[in-house]
Amino acid sequence: MTRPLLNRDEYDHPEHFDDEIREYRTSKRYVPTPLENLLFELAGHRCTVCREPWLEIHHIDELNEGGHTKYDNLIVLCPNCHTRVHSEGVPSKAELRHYKLKQEISYELPVMSRLTQAERDLITHVATLANEDRLSYSMRFHRDVEVEDVEGHDAAIQVYRKEVGFLHLQESGMTMVDLESSVGLACKPPAVSVALRVRLTGKGIKWLRYLAESGQIPST
């Protein structure tokens, strides 16, 4: 059974009740509730363009143009902006995608294209775990890192943090890279034995849900 995205009697403006441009009562136009909630939360429950609190979901690439009801092709608009997009093509598709990208950046979501392979592997693996196991899961990395002198101990740890390859996720607060141990080794050349643990934060676990619901990683 299909239903409208929103109760128009509660949320919409009276002047849009008879708008024939949009029709969400067909099965093709139906947006599943989890995806609908994801889009509204990302938009702050406001129009992505003008910030008005009247919510509709627009297909950037229209269904009759081969567009799909998927996260990447959907954006939250108010009825006025929605009508303008359909009738005037303003904002353009490219501009709508730019609005959505700015939205994701402002929400402090990592840009997927910047992630290293190690970061991608981590989130993909954690996504396969049960919800209660995700926060407790961690990966251990160990290596002996050469140093020039005793003062180079901390520098060696930072070098190894970079080599492990989780900097993008760290910058956005999605992961924690904890120093488990570091031991100076009496050898030539001198070295430090460094062990790190990498885990997702609470914010990272929530982001993982976004990735799964938007179809960017397989959901369990």
N, C-alpha and C. Protein backbone atom coordinates (compact mmCIF):
# COMPACT_ATOMS: atom_id res chain seq x y z
N MET A 1 0.85 -1.19 0.00
CA MET A 1 0.00 0.00 0.00
C MET A 1 0.88 1.24 0.00
N THR A 2 0.61 2.15 -0.89
CA THR A 2 1.41 3.37 -0.97
C THR A 2 0.77 4.48 -0.15
N ARG A 3 1.55 5.50 0.15
CA ARG A 3 1.05 6.62 0.92
C ARG A 3 1.83 7.86 0.53
N PRO A 4 1.28 9.06 0.77
CA PRO A 4 2.05 10.28 0.49
C PRO A 4 3.21 10.39 1.46
N LEU A 5 4.25 11.12 1.04
CA LEU A 5 5.41 11.27 1.90
C LEU A 5 5.04 11.93 3.22
N LEU A 6 4.17 12.93 3.17
CA LEU A 6 3.78 13.66 4.36
C LEU A 6 2.28 13.87 4.38
N ASN A 7 1.72 14.08 5.56
CA ASN A 7 0.33 14.47 5.70
C ASN A 7 0.22 15.93 5.28
N ARG A 8 -0.26 16.17 4.08
CA ARG A 8 -0.26 17.52 3.53
C ARG A 8 -1.17 18.45 4.34
N ASP A 9 -2.21 17.90 4.98
CA ASP A 9 -3.09 18.73 5.80
C ASP A 9 -2.34 19.33 6.98
N GLU A 10 -1.29 18.63 7.41
CA GLU A 10 -0.54 19.09 8.58
C GLU A 10 0.66 19.94 8.20
N TYR A 11 1.32 19.62 7.07
CA TYR A 11 2.60 20.24 6.77
C TYR A 11 2.62 21.20 5.60
N ASP A 12 1.67 21.08 4.69
CA ASP A 12 1.81 21.81 3.44
C ASP A 12 1.03 23.13 3.46
N HIS A 13 1.32 23.98 2.48
CA HIS A 13 0.61 25.24 2.32
C HIS A 13 -0.68 24.98 1.53
N PRO A 14 -1.78 25.64 1.87
CA PRO A 14 -3.04 25.42 1.14
C PRO A 14 -2.93 25.67 -0.35
N GLU A 15 -2.10 26.64 -0.76
CA GLU A 15 -2.02 26.96 -2.18
C GLU A 15 -1.38 25.84 -3.01
N HIS A 16 -0.81 24.83 -2.33
CA HIS A 16 -0.17 23.74 -3.06
C HIS A 16 -1.00 22.45 -3.04
N PHE A 17 -2.18 22.49 -2.43
CA PHE A 17 -2.95 21.26 -2.31
C PHE A 17 -3.33 20.69 -3.67
N ASP A 18 -3.58 21.56 -4.64
CA ASP A 18 -4.03 21.10 -5.95
C ASP A 18 -2.92 21.10 -6.99
N ASP A 19 -1.68 21.19 -6.52
CA ASP A 19 -0.55 21.20 -7.45
C ASP A 19 -0.47 19.87 -8.18
N GLU A 20 -0.56 19.90 -9.51
CA GLU A 20 -0.55 18.66 -10.29
C GLU A 20 0.83 18.29 -10.79
N ILE A 21 1.83 19.15 -10.52
CA ILE A 21 3.19 18.83 -10.99
C ILE A 21 3.72 17.60 -10.29
N ARG A 22 3.45 17.48 -8.97
CA ARG A 22 4.01 16.39 -8.19
C ARG A 22 2.91 15.39 -7.81
N GLU A 23 3.22 14.12 -7.88
CA GLU A 23 2.28 13.09 -7.46
C GLU A 23 3.09 11.96 -6.82
N TYR A 24 2.94 11.79 -5.50
CA TYR A 24 3.75 10.82 -4.77
C TYR A 24 2.98 9.56 -4.39
N ARG A 25 1.79 9.38 -4.94
CA ARG A 25 0.97 8.26 -4.50
C ARG A 25 1.20 7.01 -5.33
N THR A 26 2.07 7.03 -6.30
CA THR A 26 2.37 5.84 -7.08
C THR A 26 3.52 5.09 -6.42
N SER A 27 3.62 3.82 -6.73
CA SER A 27 4.66 2.99 -6.10
C SER A 27 6.05 3.46 -6.49
N LYS A 28 6.20 3.98 -7.72
CA LYS A 28 7.51 4.45 -8.16
C LYS A 28 7.97 5.66 -7.35
N ARG A 29 7.04 6.51 -6.95
CA ARG A 29 7.39 7.73 -6.24
C ARG A 29 7.56 7.51 -4.74
N TYR A 30 7.21 6.35 -4.25
CA TYR A 30 7.26 6.13 -2.82
C TYR A 30 8.70 6.05 -2.32
N VAL A 31 9.02 6.83 -1.28
CA VAL A 31 10.33 6.80 -0.66
C VAL A 31 10.21 6.07 0.67
N PRO A 32 10.95 4.99 0.89
CA PRO A 32 10.83 4.24 2.14
C PRO A 32 11.09 5.13 3.35
N THR A 33 10.41 4.84 4.43
CA THR A 33 10.49 5.68 5.62
C THR A 33 11.92 5.86 6.15
N PRO A 34 12.75 4.81 6.28
CA PRO A 34 14.12 5.04 6.78
C PRO A 34 14.90 6.02 5.91
N LEU A 35 14.76 5.90 4.59
CA LEU A 35 15.45 6.81 3.68
C LEU A 35 14.87 8.21 3.79
N GLU A 36 13.56 8.31 3.92
CA GLU A 36 12.89 9.59 4.10
C GLU A 36 13.41 10.28 5.36
N ASN A 37 13.50 9.55 6.46
CA ASN A 37 13.99 10.12 7.71
C ASN A 37 15.44 10.53 7.61
N LEU A 38 16.24 9.72 6.91
CA LEU A 38 17.66 10.04 6.71
C LEU A 38 17.81 11.38 5.98
N LEU A 39 17.04 11.56 4.91
CA LEU A 39 17.13 12.79 4.12
C LEU A 39 16.67 14.01 4.92
N PHE A 40 15.58 13.85 5.67
CA PHE A 40 15.08 14.96 6.48
C PHE A 40 16.08 15.34 7.57
N GLU A 41 16.71 14.34 8.20
CA GLU A 41 17.68 14.62 9.26
C GLU A 41 18.90 15.33 8.69
N LEU A 42 19.37 14.86 7.54
CA LEU A 42 20.52 15.49 6.90
C LEU A 42 20.23 16.95 6.56
N ALA A 43 18.99 17.22 6.16
CA ALA A 43 18.60 18.59 5.78
C ALA A 43 18.23 19.44 6.99
N GLY A 44 18.28 18.87 8.18
CA GLY A 44 17.88 19.63 9.36
C GLY A 44 16.39 19.91 9.38
N HIS A 45 15.61 19.07 8.68
CA HIS A 45 14.15 19.23 8.58
C HIS A 45 13.78 20.60 8.00
N ARG A 46 14.58 21.03 7.03
CA ARG A 46 14.30 22.28 6.32
C ARG A 46 14.65 22.11 4.84
N CYS A 47 14.09 22.97 4.01
CA CYS A 47 14.40 22.95 2.58
C CYS A 47 15.90 23.17 2.38
N THR A 48 16.49 22.37 1.54
CA THR A 48 17.93 22.47 1.29
C THR A 48 18.31 23.79 0.65
N VAL A 49 17.41 24.40 -0.11
CA VAL A 49 17.71 25.63 -0.84
C VAL A 49 17.40 26.88 -0.02
N CYS A 50 16.15 26.98 0.48
CA CYS A 50 15.74 28.24 1.12
C CYS A 50 15.55 28.13 2.63
N ARG A 51 15.67 26.90 3.17
CA ARG A 51 15.61 26.63 4.61
C ARG A 51 14.21 26.76 5.20
N GLU A 52 13.17 26.81 4.37
CA GLU A 52 11.81 26.83 4.90
C GLU A 52 11.46 25.45 5.48
N PRO A 53 10.63 25.39 6.52
CA PRO A 53 10.35 24.11 7.19
C PRO A 53 9.19 23.33 6.58
N TRP A 54 9.04 23.39 5.25
CA TRP A 54 7.99 22.63 4.58
C TRP A 54 8.69 21.61 3.69
N LEU A 55 8.42 20.31 3.92
CA LEU A 55 9.30 19.28 3.38
C LEU A 55 8.66 18.42 2.30
N GLU A 56 9.35 18.32 1.17
CA GLU A 56 9.03 17.36 0.13
C GLU A 56 10.35 16.80 -0.38
N ILE A 57 10.30 15.66 -1.01
CA ILE A 57 11.53 15.03 -1.53
C ILE A 57 11.49 15.05 -3.05
N HIS A 58 12.55 15.55 -3.64
CA HIS A 58 12.65 15.72 -5.09
C HIS A 58 13.68 14.76 -5.67
N HIS A 59 13.34 14.16 -6.82
CA HIS A 59 14.29 13.35 -7.58
C HIS A 59 15.11 14.28 -8.47
N ILE A 60 16.41 14.36 -8.23
CA ILE A 60 17.26 15.26 -9.02
C ILE A 60 17.22 14.86 -10.49
N ASP A 61 17.45 13.58 -10.77
CA ASP A 61 17.19 13.03 -12.10
C ASP A 61 15.80 12.43 -12.07
N GLU A 62 14.89 12.97 -12.88
CA GLU A 62 13.50 12.55 -12.83
C GLU A 62 13.34 11.07 -13.17
N LEU A 63 12.30 10.46 -12.62
CA LEU A 63 12.04 9.05 -12.89
C LEU A 63 11.85 8.79 -14.37
N ASN A 64 11.19 9.72 -15.08
CA ASN A 64 10.98 9.53 -16.52
C ASN A 64 12.25 9.77 -17.34
N GLU A 65 13.32 10.21 -16.64
CA GLU A 65 14.62 10.36 -17.28
C GLU A 65 15.58 9.24 -16.88
N GLY A 66 15.05 8.25 -16.19
CA GLY A 66 15.89 7.13 -15.74
C GLY A 66 16.42 7.28 -14.34
N GLY A 67 15.97 8.32 -13.61
CA GLY A 67 16.41 8.50 -12.23
C GLY A 67 15.82 7.45 -11.31
N HIS A 68 16.44 7.27 -10.15
CA HIS A 68 16.01 6.24 -9.21
C HIS A 68 15.69 6.86 -7.85
N THR A 69 14.90 6.14 -7.07
CA THR A 69 14.57 6.56 -5.71
C THR A 69 15.65 6.04 -4.78
N LYS A 70 16.82 6.67 -4.86
CA LYS A 70 17.97 6.31 -4.04
C LYS A 70 18.56 7.57 -3.43
N TYR A 71 19.31 7.39 -2.36
CA TYR A 71 19.86 8.51 -1.59
C TYR A 71 20.54 9.55 -2.47
N ASP A 72 21.44 9.12 -3.35
CA ASP A 72 22.24 10.05 -4.14
C ASP A 72 21.38 10.89 -5.09
N ASN A 73 20.19 10.44 -5.42
CA ASN A 73 19.35 11.13 -6.39
C ASN A 73 18.21 11.91 -5.73
N LEU A 74 18.21 12.01 -4.41
CA LEU A 74 17.10 12.64 -3.71
C LEU A 74 17.57 13.84 -2.90
N ILE A 75 16.73 14.86 -2.84
CA ILE A 75 17.05 16.07 -2.08
C ILE A 75 15.77 16.62 -1.47
N VAL A 76 15.86 17.24 -0.31
CA VAL A 76 14.69 17.79 0.38
C VAL A 76 14.47 19.23 -0.06
N LEU A 77 13.25 19.52 -0.53
CA LEU A 77 12.87 20.88 -0.95
C LEU A 77 11.54 21.25 -0.32
N CYS A 78 11.27 22.54 -0.24
CA CYS A 78 9.94 23.00 0.16
C CYS A 78 9.05 22.99 -1.09
N PRO A 79 7.73 23.09 -0.95
CA PRO A 79 6.86 23.09 -2.13
C PRO A 79 7.18 24.19 -3.13
N ASN A 80 7.55 25.40 -2.65
CA ASN A 80 7.85 26.50 -3.57
C ASN A 80 9.09 26.20 -4.41
N CYS A 81 10.17 25.78 -3.76
CA CYS A 81 11.40 25.46 -4.50
C CYS A 81 11.20 24.24 -5.39
N HIS A 82 10.39 23.29 -4.91
CA HIS A 82 10.12 22.09 -5.69
C HIS A 82 9.40 22.45 -6.98
N THR A 83 8.39 23.32 -6.88
CA THR A 83 7.65 23.75 -8.06
C THR A 83 8.56 24.52 -9.02
N ARG A 84 9.42 25.35 -8.49
CA ARG A 84 10.32 26.15 -9.33
C ARG A 84 11.30 25.25 -10.08
N VAL A 85 11.80 24.21 -9.41
CA VAL A 85 12.71 23.28 -10.08
C VAL A 85 12.01 22.62 -11.26
N HIS A 86 10.77 22.17 -11.04
CA HIS A 86 10.04 21.48 -12.10
C HIS A 86 9.62 22.42 -13.23
N SER A 87 9.22 23.62 -12.89
CA SER A 87 8.67 24.52 -13.91
C SER A 87 9.73 25.36 -14.61
N GLU A 88 10.81 25.71 -13.88
CA GLU A 88 11.82 26.61 -14.44
C GLU A 88 13.21 26.00 -14.53
N GLY A 89 13.40 24.84 -13.90
CA GLY A 89 14.74 24.23 -13.89
C GLY A 89 15.72 24.98 -13.02
N VAL A 90 15.23 25.69 -12.01
CA VAL A 90 16.07 26.50 -11.11
C VAL A 90 15.76 26.08 -9.66
N PRO A 91 16.80 25.70 -8.91
CA PRO A 91 18.20 25.50 -9.29
C PRO A 91 18.36 24.33 -10.27
N SER A 92 19.47 24.34 -10.98
CA SER A 92 19.75 23.28 -11.94
C SER A 92 20.12 21.98 -11.21
N LYS A 93 20.20 20.89 -11.94
CA LYS A 93 20.59 19.61 -11.33
C LYS A 93 21.97 19.70 -10.71
N ALA A 94 22.90 20.35 -11.42
CA ALA A 94 24.26 20.48 -10.90
C ALA A 94 24.25 21.30 -9.61
N GLU A 95 23.43 22.34 -9.58
CA GLU A 95 23.35 23.18 -8.38
C GLU A 95 22.72 22.42 -7.22
N LEU A 96 21.71 21.60 -7.51
CA LEU A 96 21.09 20.80 -6.46
C LEU A 96 22.09 19.82 -5.85
N ARG A 97 22.90 19.21 -6.71
CA ARG A 97 23.92 18.28 -6.20
C ARG A 97 24.96 19.03 -5.36
N HIS A 98 25.27 20.25 -5.76
CA HIS A 98 26.22 21.06 -4.99
C HIS A 98 25.62 21.42 -3.63
N TYR A 99 24.33 21.76 -3.60
CA TYR A 99 23.66 22.04 -2.33
C TYR A 99 23.75 20.83 -1.40
N LYS A 100 23.52 19.65 -1.98
CA LYS A 100 23.52 18.44 -1.15
C LYS A 100 24.92 18.13 -0.63
N LEU A 101 25.94 18.35 -1.46
CA LEU A 101 27.31 18.14 -1.03
C LEU A 101 27.66 19.07 0.12
N LYS A 102 27.27 20.35 0.01
CA LYS A 102 27.52 21.31 1.09
C LYS A 102 26.82 20.86 2.37
N GLN A 103 25.64 20.29 2.21
CA GLN A 103 24.88 19.79 3.34
C GLN A 103 25.65 18.68 4.06
N GLU A 104 26.19 17.75 3.28
CA GLU A 104 26.94 16.64 3.85
C GLU A 104 28.21 17.14 4.56
N ILE A 105 28.88 18.10 3.93
CA ILE A 105 30.09 18.65 4.53
C ILE A 105 29.76 19.36 5.84
N SER A 106 28.67 20.14 5.85
CA SER A 106 28.28 20.86 7.06
C SER A 106 27.86 19.89 8.16
N TYR A 107 27.40 18.72 7.78
CA TYR A 107 27.01 17.70 8.75
C TYR A 107 28.24 16.92 9.21
N GLU A 108 29.41 17.31 8.70
CA GLU A 108 30.71 16.72 9.05
C GLU A 108 30.78 15.25 8.67
N LEU A 109 30.18 14.90 7.54
CA LEU A 109 30.34 13.55 7.03
C LEU A 109 31.59 13.49 6.17
N PRO A 110 32.44 12.49 6.33
CA PRO A 110 33.62 12.38 5.49
C PRO A 110 33.24 12.23 4.02
N VAL A 111 34.04 12.82 3.15
CA VAL A 111 33.83 12.67 1.71
C VAL A 111 34.38 11.31 1.31
N MET A 112 33.53 10.43 0.82
CA MET A 112 33.92 9.04 0.58
C MET A 112 35.10 8.91 -0.37
N SER A 113 35.17 9.80 -1.37
CA SER A 113 36.23 9.69 -2.36
C SER A 113 37.61 9.95 -1.78
N ARG A 114 37.68 10.59 -0.59
CA ARG A 114 38.97 10.90 0.03
C ARG A 114 39.49 9.77 0.92
N LEU A 115 38.65 8.79 1.22
CA LEU A 115 39.04 7.76 2.16
C LEU A 115 40.11 6.84 1.57
N THR A 116 41.04 6.42 2.42
CA THR A 116 42.03 5.45 2.00
C THR A 116 41.39 4.06 1.94
N GLN A 117 42.10 3.12 1.33
CA GLN A 117 41.57 1.77 1.25
C GLN A 117 41.43 1.16 2.65
N ALA A 118 42.38 1.48 3.55
CA ALA A 118 42.30 0.97 4.92
C ALA A 118 41.04 1.47 5.61
N GLU A 119 40.69 2.75 5.38
CA GLU A 119 39.48 3.32 5.99
C GLU A 119 38.22 2.66 5.42
N ARG A 120 38.21 2.44 4.13
CA ARG A 120 37.07 1.79 3.50
C ARG A 120 36.91 0.36 4.03
N ASP A 121 38.04 -0.34 4.17
CA ASP A 121 37.99 -1.72 4.66
C ASP A 121 37.46 -1.77 6.09
N LEU A 122 37.86 -0.78 6.91
CA LEU A 122 37.40 -0.76 8.29
C LEU A 122 35.88 -0.60 8.37
N ILE A 123 35.34 0.41 7.68
CA ILE A 123 33.90 0.65 7.80
C ILE A 123 33.10 -0.48 7.17
N THR A 124 33.63 -1.08 6.10
CA THR A 124 32.93 -2.20 5.47
C THR A 124 32.88 -3.39 6.41
N HIS A 125 33.99 -3.65 7.11
CA HIS A 125 34.01 -4.78 8.04
C HIS A 125 33.11 -4.53 9.24
N VAL A 126 33.19 -3.35 9.84
CA VAL A 126 32.36 -3.06 11.01
C VAL A 126 30.88 -3.13 10.66
N ALA A 127 30.54 -2.79 9.42
CA ALA A 127 29.14 -2.85 8.99
C ALA A 127 28.60 -4.27 9.01
N THR A 128 29.48 -5.27 8.94
CA THR A 128 29.03 -6.66 8.96
C THR A 128 28.75 -7.16 10.38
N LEU A 129 29.18 -6.40 11.40
CA LEU A 129 29.02 -6.83 12.79
C LEU A 129 27.64 -6.49 13.32
N ALA A 130 27.23 -7.20 14.35
CA ALA A 130 25.98 -6.87 15.03
C ALA A 130 26.12 -5.50 15.69
N ASN A 131 25.00 -4.79 15.84
CA ASN A 131 25.04 -3.43 16.39
C ASN A 131 25.76 -3.36 17.73
N GLU A 132 25.53 -4.35 18.60
CA GLU A 132 26.11 -4.31 19.93
C GLU A 132 27.62 -4.56 19.91
N ASP A 133 28.15 -5.08 18.80
CA ASP A 133 29.58 -5.37 18.71
C ASP A 133 30.39 -4.26 18.03
N ARG A 134 29.71 -3.30 17.45
CA ARG A 134 30.40 -2.31 16.63
C ARG A 134 31.28 -1.37 17.46
N LEU A 135 30.79 -0.92 18.60
CA LEU A 135 31.56 0.01 19.41
C LEU A 135 32.76 -0.67 20.07
N SER A 136 32.66 -1.95 20.36
CA SER A 136 33.76 -2.65 21.04
C SER A 136 34.83 -3.16 20.08
N TYR A 137 34.54 -3.13 18.78
CA TYR A 137 35.49 -3.68 17.82
C TYR A 137 36.67 -2.72 17.61
N SER A 138 37.87 -3.28 17.55
CA SER A 138 39.06 -2.47 17.26
C SER A 138 40.05 -3.30 16.46
N MET A 139 40.94 -2.61 15.76
CA MET A 139 42.00 -3.25 14.99
C MET A 139 43.35 -2.83 15.58
N ARG A 140 44.27 -3.79 15.72
CA ARG A 140 45.59 -3.51 16.30
C ARG A 140 46.63 -3.46 15.19
N PHE A 141 47.48 -2.45 15.25
CA PHE A 141 48.57 -2.29 14.29
C PHE A 141 49.87 -2.16 15.07
N HIS A 142 50.87 -2.89 14.65
CA HIS A 142 52.17 -2.87 15.35
C HIS A 142 53.30 -2.77 14.34
N ARG A 143 54.29 -1.94 14.71
CA ARG A 143 55.46 -1.83 13.84
C ARG A 143 56.62 -1.20 14.61
N ASP A 144 57.83 -1.58 14.25
CA ASP A 144 59.03 -0.93 14.77
C ASP A 144 59.40 0.21 13.83
N VAL A 145 59.41 1.44 14.36
CA VAL A 145 59.65 2.62 13.55
C VAL A 145 61.01 3.21 13.91
N GLU A 146 61.85 3.42 12.92
CA GLU A 146 63.18 3.97 13.16
C GLU A 146 63.10 5.44 13.60
N VAL A 147 64.00 5.81 14.51
CA VAL A 147 64.08 7.20 14.97
C VAL A 147 65.53 7.65 14.91
N GLU A 148 65.73 8.96 14.83
CA GLU A 148 67.08 9.49 14.76
C GLU A 148 67.72 9.58 16.14
N ASP A 149 66.88 9.89 17.18
CA ASP A 149 67.41 10.03 18.53
C ASP A 149 66.25 9.88 19.51
N VAL A 150 66.52 10.04 20.80
CA VAL A 150 65.50 9.89 21.83
C VAL A 150 64.36 10.88 21.62
N GLU A 151 64.72 12.12 21.22
CA GLU A 151 63.72 13.15 21.01
C GLU A 151 62.78 12.79 19.86
N GLY A 152 63.17 11.84 19.04
CA GLY A 152 62.35 11.47 17.89
C GLY A 152 61.26 10.47 18.21
N HIS A 153 61.11 10.13 19.50
CA HIS A 153 60.13 9.13 19.92
C HIS A 153 58.70 9.53 19.50
N ASP A 154 58.27 10.73 19.90
CA ASP A 154 56.91 11.19 19.57
C ASP A 154 56.73 11.35 18.07
N ALA A 155 57.76 11.82 17.40
CA ALA A 155 57.67 11.98 15.94
C ALA A 155 57.47 10.63 15.27
N ALA A 156 58.12 9.60 15.81
CA ALA A 156 57.98 8.26 15.24
C ALA A 156 56.55 7.76 15.37
N ILE A 157 55.93 8.06 16.51
CA ILE A 157 54.54 7.65 16.71
C ILE A 157 53.63 8.33 15.69
N GLN A 158 53.86 9.63 15.47
CA GLN A 158 53.03 10.37 14.51
C GLN A 158 53.23 9.84 13.09
N VAL A 159 54.47 9.49 12.77
CA VAL A 159 54.75 8.90 11.46
C VAL A 159 53.96 7.61 11.27
N TYR A 160 53.94 6.80 12.31
CA TYR A 160 53.23 5.52 12.21
C TYR A 160 51.72 5.74 12.12
N ARG A 161 51.20 6.73 12.85
CA ARG A 161 49.77 7.04 12.75
C ARG A 161 49.39 7.35 11.29
N LYS A 162 50.25 8.12 10.62
CA LYS A 162 49.97 8.46 9.22
C LYS A 162 50.06 7.23 8.33
N GLU A 163 51.03 6.38 8.61
CA GLU A 163 51.20 5.19 7.78
C GLU A 163 50.03 4.22 7.93
N VAL A 164 49.47 4.14 9.13
CA VAL A 164 48.32 3.26 9.34
C VAL A 164 47.16 3.68 8.45
N GLY A 165 46.99 5.00 8.24
CA GLY A 165 46.09 5.46 7.18
C GLY A 165 44.65 5.73 7.56
N PHE A 166 44.39 6.32 8.74
CA PHE A 166 43.03 6.63 9.14
C PHE A 166 42.85 8.12 9.41
N LEU A 167 43.65 8.95 8.77
CA LEU A 167 43.65 10.38 9.08
C LEU A 167 42.34 11.06 8.72
N HIS A 168 41.73 10.71 7.57
CA HIS A 168 40.49 11.37 7.15
C HIS A 168 39.36 11.07 8.13
N LEU A 169 39.28 9.82 8.58
CA LEU A 169 38.25 9.47 9.55
C LEU A 169 38.53 10.08 10.91
N GLN A 170 39.81 10.22 11.26
CA GLN A 170 40.16 10.88 12.52
C GLN A 170 39.76 12.36 12.51
N GLU A 171 40.05 13.03 11.38
CA GLU A 171 39.77 14.46 11.28
C GLU A 171 38.29 14.76 11.48
N SER A 172 37.42 13.85 11.06
CA SER A 172 35.98 14.07 11.16
C SER A 172 35.40 13.46 12.43
N GLY A 173 36.25 12.89 13.28
CA GLY A 173 35.79 12.33 14.53
C GLY A 173 35.10 10.99 14.41
N MET A 174 35.29 10.29 13.30
CA MET A 174 34.65 9.00 13.10
C MET A 174 35.43 7.86 13.73
N THR A 175 36.75 8.01 13.85
CA THR A 175 37.56 6.97 14.46
C THR A 175 38.46 7.56 15.54
N MET A 176 38.89 6.69 16.43
CA MET A 176 39.92 7.00 17.41
C MET A 176 41.10 6.09 17.13
N VAL A 177 42.29 6.67 17.07
CA VAL A 177 43.51 5.88 16.92
C VAL A 177 44.28 6.05 18.23
N ASP A 178 44.17 5.05 19.09
CA ASP A 178 44.75 5.12 20.43
C ASP A 178 46.13 4.50 20.45
N LEU A 179 47.03 5.12 21.20
CA LEU A 179 48.37 4.56 21.40
C LEU A 179 48.27 3.48 22.47
N GLU A 180 48.46 2.24 22.06
CA GLU A 180 48.39 1.12 23.01
C GLU A 180 49.70 0.97 23.77
N SER A 181 50.82 1.10 23.07
CA SER A 181 52.13 1.02 23.72
C SER A 181 53.19 1.55 22.79
N SER A 182 54.30 2.01 23.39
CA SER A 182 55.47 2.42 22.61
C SER A 182 56.70 2.14 23.47
N VAL A 183 57.63 1.42 22.92
CA VAL A 183 58.82 1.01 23.66
C VAL A 183 60.06 1.35 22.83
N GLY A 184 61.01 2.07 23.46
CA GLY A 184 62.26 2.37 22.78
C GLY A 184 63.12 1.12 22.66
N LEU A 185 63.65 0.88 21.49
CA LEU A 185 64.48 -0.30 21.25
C LEU A 185 65.95 0.10 21.16
N ALA A 186 66.77 -0.60 21.91
CA ALA A 186 68.21 -0.34 21.89
C ALA A 186 68.83 -1.11 20.74
N CYS A 187 68.85 -0.48 19.60
CA CYS A 187 69.40 -1.12 18.41
C CYS A 187 69.99 -0.05 17.52
N LYS A 188 70.62 -0.46 16.47
CA LYS A 188 71.19 0.47 15.52
C LYS A 188 70.66 0.16 14.13
N PRO A 189 70.03 1.16 13.47
CA PRO A 189 69.68 2.47 14.03
C PRO A 189 68.60 2.34 15.11
N PRO A 190 68.51 3.34 16.03
CA PRO A 190 67.50 3.27 17.09
C PRO A 190 66.10 3.22 16.51
N ALA A 191 65.19 2.60 17.27
CA ALA A 191 63.81 2.45 16.79
C ALA A 191 62.85 2.47 17.97
N VAL A 192 61.58 2.65 17.67
CA VAL A 192 60.51 2.60 18.65
C VAL A 192 59.51 1.54 18.20
N SER A 193 59.16 0.64 19.12
CA SER A 193 58.13 -0.36 18.84
C SER A 193 56.78 0.24 19.20
N VAL A 194 55.94 0.50 18.20
CA VAL A 194 54.67 1.20 18.40
C VAL A 194 53.50 0.27 18.11
N ALA A 195 52.51 0.27 19.02
CA ALA A 195 51.27 -0.48 18.81
C ALA A 195 50.10 0.49 18.91
N LEU A 196 49.25 0.50 17.91
CA LEU A 196 48.08 1.38 17.87
C LEU A 196 46.80 0.55 17.79
N ARG A 197 45.71 1.10 18.34
CA ARG A 197 44.40 0.48 18.19
C ARG A 197 43.46 1.48 17.51
N VAL A 198 42.77 1.02 16.49
CA VAL A 198 41.84 1.85 15.73
C VAL A 198 40.42 1.34 15.95
N ARG A 199 39.50 2.25 16.28
CA ARG A 199 38.10 1.87 16.49
C ARG A 199 37.20 3.00 16.04
N LEU A 200 35.95 2.66 15.75
CA LEU A 200 34.96 3.68 15.40
C LEU A 200 34.44 4.32 16.68
N THR A 201 34.18 5.63 16.63
CA THR A 201 33.57 6.35 17.74
C THR A 201 32.05 6.20 17.66
N GLY A 202 31.34 6.74 18.67
CA GLY A 202 29.88 6.75 18.61
C GLY A 202 29.38 7.50 17.39
N LYS A 203 30.05 8.60 17.07
CA LYS A 203 29.69 9.36 15.88
C LYS A 203 29.93 8.52 14.63
N GLY A 204 31.01 7.75 14.63
CA GLY A 204 31.31 6.89 13.49
C GLY A 204 30.27 5.79 13.30
N ILE A 205 29.76 5.26 14.43
CA ILE A 205 28.73 4.22 14.35
C ILE A 205 27.45 4.79 13.74
N LYS A 206 27.12 6.04 14.13
CA LYS A 206 25.94 6.68 13.54
C LYS A 206 26.16 6.92 12.06
N TRP A 207 27.35 7.34 11.68
CA TRP A 207 27.67 7.56 10.27
C TRP A 207 27.55 6.26 9.49
N LEU A 208 27.95 5.16 10.12
CA LEU A 208 27.85 3.85 9.48
C LEU A 208 26.40 3.55 9.11
N ARG A 209 25.48 3.96 9.97
CA ARG A 209 24.06 3.78 9.67
C ARG A 209 23.66 4.59 8.44
N TYR A 210 24.18 5.81 8.36
CA TYR A 210 23.90 6.64 7.19
C TYR A 210 24.41 5.96 5.91
N LEU A 211 25.61 5.43 5.97
CA LEU A 211 26.18 4.79 4.79
C LEU A 211 25.34 3.60 4.34
N ALA A 212 24.88 2.82 5.31
CA ALA A 212 24.08 1.64 4.97
C ALA A 212 22.72 2.06 4.42
N GLU A 213 22.08 3.05 5.06
CA GLU A 213 20.74 3.46 4.62
C GLU A 213 20.78 4.19 3.28
N SER A 214 21.90 4.80 2.96
CA SER A 214 22.01 5.50 1.68
C SER A 214 22.57 4.60 0.59
N GLY A 215 22.83 3.33 0.92
CA GLY A 215 23.29 2.37 -0.07
C GLY A 215 24.75 2.51 -0.45
N GLN A 216 25.55 3.24 0.33
CA GLN A 216 26.95 3.41 0.00
C GLN A 216 27.82 2.26 0.48
N ILE A 217 27.30 1.47 1.43
CA ILE A 217 27.96 0.22 1.83
C ILE A 217 26.86 -0.79 2.02
N PRO A 218 27.18 -2.10 1.92
CA PRO A 218 26.14 -3.11 2.12
C PRO A 218 25.61 -3.05 3.54
N SER A 219 24.31 -3.21 3.71
CA SER A 219 23.71 -3.24 5.04
C SER A 219 23.57 -4.68 5.49
N THR A 220 23.61 -4.86 6.81
CA THR A 220 23.51 -6.22 7.36
C THR A 220 22.07 -6.66 7.44
